Amino acid sequence: MSSYKESINKHYTRDNLGKKILAAYENAGKDIFSLTREDISAFEEFHIRGRIATRELGQMAKLTEGMKVLDIGSGVGGPARTLAAEFGCEVVGLDLVDEYCNTAEMLTGKVGLSDKVTFRKGNMLDMPFEDATFNVVWSQHVTMNIEDKQRLFREIRRVLRPDGIFVLYEIIAGQSAPIHLPVPWAGDSTINFLVTPEKYRSMLKDTGFDELVWKDVSPISLEWGRGLITNMASRPKDANPPLGLNLLMGETTAPKVKNMVLNMEEDRVRVVQAVMKNTHR
């Protein structure tokens, strides 16, 4: 497990991430003491289609004010802040990467949401929470890095209330293999664990979840990815780096995004949204 943690941290960590983000905003002429959620929206949600997809998923899951949500693999906290600010949820983010947790706390304080959103460093396969704590467990572009998905699903059920829901937005295997690497979630095959939609749904059912919604959103995801490549290609070479996902991926942004799009074009990966109910006890 320690080597796995090291691989995850090596892939996602950028040293002094929070300081680098603030420096990028200062260089762009932004006042870092009055940042808003809109200012940081281009990079804070590290998944396809960003905040738009989070809003769609929240509406699909029928989130309501006061729900207690656990966001696993919470990254720098963008989705957690969206769920708190726009749906009125009380959110706890859980992530294995130190730099993500520290940056998430910093950004959440900057935009005035620390009273509604907190973050914990921890392993989602062994969560530091009591049984039946949350109304919702939330996952966006996370399970691609998890090999033992059934263990994860059992742990999610443990921390969910009996009538709770597991809400997910994930990248899964397509009909062709292997995938082109690197991609945003993996630099090599050691932390890439995609499974087919059939196997994914079967594991959820076997673990004790009832499927409320399963929606393939690959076409609109591909359109978004192609737009991202077009935007990157159209930037003047002498322009300052954009305030986008490159803040999280650094110099590897372009090849990772291009491979992600190529994988979707060749049906090596697909993108799904789903809502699963914890009904079997």
Foldseek 3Di string as FASTA:
>chain_A
DVVLLVQQQVQFDDPPLLVLLLVLCVVVVHDLQQDALVNQQQAQAPAFPGPVVLVVLCVVQVAAAAFEEEEEQCFLPSSVVCCCPPHNYQYEYEEQHPVRQVNNCVVCVSHPNPVRYHYDYDDLLDDPDAFQAGQEYEYEADCQQPQPVLSSLLSVNRNHHQFHKYKYKYKAFFPDDDADDDASNDRDDPRGHHHDPVVVVVSNVVSAWAWDDKFWPLVVSLVRLVVVLVVVVPDDPPDRDDSHNCSRNPPCVNVNSVRVNVCSVVRRMTIMITMITNNDD
